Amino acid sequence: LEMQDDERAAVLPAMAKLFASDVAVWVSQEAQLIHGGWGYSEEDPVARYVVDALVLPIFEGVKPILELKIIARQLLAE
């Protein structure tokens, strides 16, 4: 797929946000596993990091938008 500069300008930031939010979720959940039961306690900051990270994909609205763009591009290409 070749993309014009305008398309790249629209897609690349969304891809970066998607990647960053996915990594934040993964890292925070790994930290929670390392901390064990304490990682689930409200007293441990790791529990808050997990909650904050899980909200990122929803709050940013990136994942559904990017998925729709990819699906639309594939449908229009056919």
Protein backbone atom coordinates (compact mmCIF):
# COMPACT_ATOMS: atom_id res chain seq x y z
CA LEU A 1 0.00 0.00 0.00
CA GLU A 2 1.33 3.38 -0.97
CA MET A 3 0.20 6.27 1.13
CA GLN A 4 0.13 9.93 0.29
CA ASP A 5 1.66 12.41 2.74
CA ASP A 6 -1.79 13.47 3.96
CA GLU A 7 -2.75 9.88 4.70
CA ARG A 8 0.52 9.28 6.52
CA ALA A 9 -0.06 12.41 8.59
CA ALA A 10 -3.43 11.03 9.65
CA VAL A 11 -2.42 7.41 10.29
CA LEU A 12 1.05 7.60 11.85
CA PRO A 13 0.06 9.55 14.99
CA ALA A 14 -2.82 7.13 15.56
CA MET A 15 -0.44 4.19 15.18
CA ALA A 16 1.98 5.76 17.67
CA LYS A 17 -0.83 6.31 20.19
CA LEU A 18 -2.04 2.74 19.70
CA PHE A 19 1.46 1.35 20.24
CA ALA A 20 2.07 3.52 23.32
CA SER A 21 -1.24 2.57 24.92
CA ASP A 22 -0.69 -1.15 24.24
CA VAL A 23 2.80 -0.97 25.76
CA ALA A 24 1.51 0.94 28.79
CA VAL A 25 -1.09 -1.76 29.44
CA TRP A 26 1.44 -4.55 29.03
CA VAL A 27 4.10 -2.92 31.23
CA SER A 28 1.66 -2.05 34.02
CA GLN A 29 0.21 -5.56 34.05
CA GLU A 30 3.70 -7.08 34.15
CA ALA A 31 4.55 -4.79 37.08
CA GLN A 32 1.39 -5.95 38.81
CA LEU A 33 2.46 -9.58 38.36
CA ILE A 34 5.90 -8.80 39.77
CA HIS A 35 4.35 -7.15 42.82
CA GLY A 36 2.08 -10.15 43.35
CA GLY A 37 -0.94 -9.69 45.62
CA TRP A 38 0.35 -6.30 46.71
CA GLY A 39 0.00 -5.10 43.11
CA TYR A 40 -3.78 -5.41 43.45
CA SER A 41 -3.93 -3.33 46.64
CA GLU A 42 -5.13 0.26 46.37
CA GLU A 43 -2.17 1.24 48.56
CA ASP A 44 0.30 0.18 45.87
CA PRO A 45 0.80 2.70 43.05
CA VAL A 46 1.10 -0.16 40.55
CA ALA A 47 -2.63 -0.85 40.90
CA ARG A 48 -3.34 2.75 39.92
CA TYR A 49 -0.95 2.48 36.96
CA VAL A 50 -2.88 -0.54 35.69
CA VAL A 51 -6.20 1.29 35.94
CA ASP A 52 -4.76 4.35 34.21
CA ALA A 53 -3.19 2.24 31.45
CA LEU A 54 -6.37 0.26 30.80
CA VAL A 55 -8.27 3.49 30.21
CA LEU A 56 -5.77 4.83 27.65
CA PRO A 57 -7.05 2.94 24.58
CA ILE A 58 -10.61 3.95 25.44
CA PHE A 59 -9.81 7.54 26.38
CA GLU A 60 -7.61 8.14 23.35
CA GLY A 61 -10.19 6.53 21.07
CA VAL A 62 -7.35 5.32 18.91
CA LYS A 63 -7.91 1.60 18.62
CA PRO A 64 -11.43 1.66 17.12
CA ILE A 65 -10.59 4.55 14.81
CA LEU A 66 -7.40 2.95 13.52
CA GLU A 67 -9.12 -0.40 13.04
CA LEU A 68 -11.91 1.28 11.06
CA LYS A 69 -9.36 3.09 8.88
CA ILE A 70 -7.54 -0.15 8.13
CA ILE A 71 -10.79 -1.98 7.37
CA ALA A 72 -12.06 0.86 5.18
CA ARG A 73 -8.79 1.02 3.27
CA GLN A 74 -8.89 -2.72 2.61
CA LEU A 75 -12.50 -2.60 1.47
CA LEU A 76 -11.89 0.35 -0.83
CA ALA A 77 -8.80 -1.32 -2.29
CA GLU A 78 -10.83 -4.36 -3.36
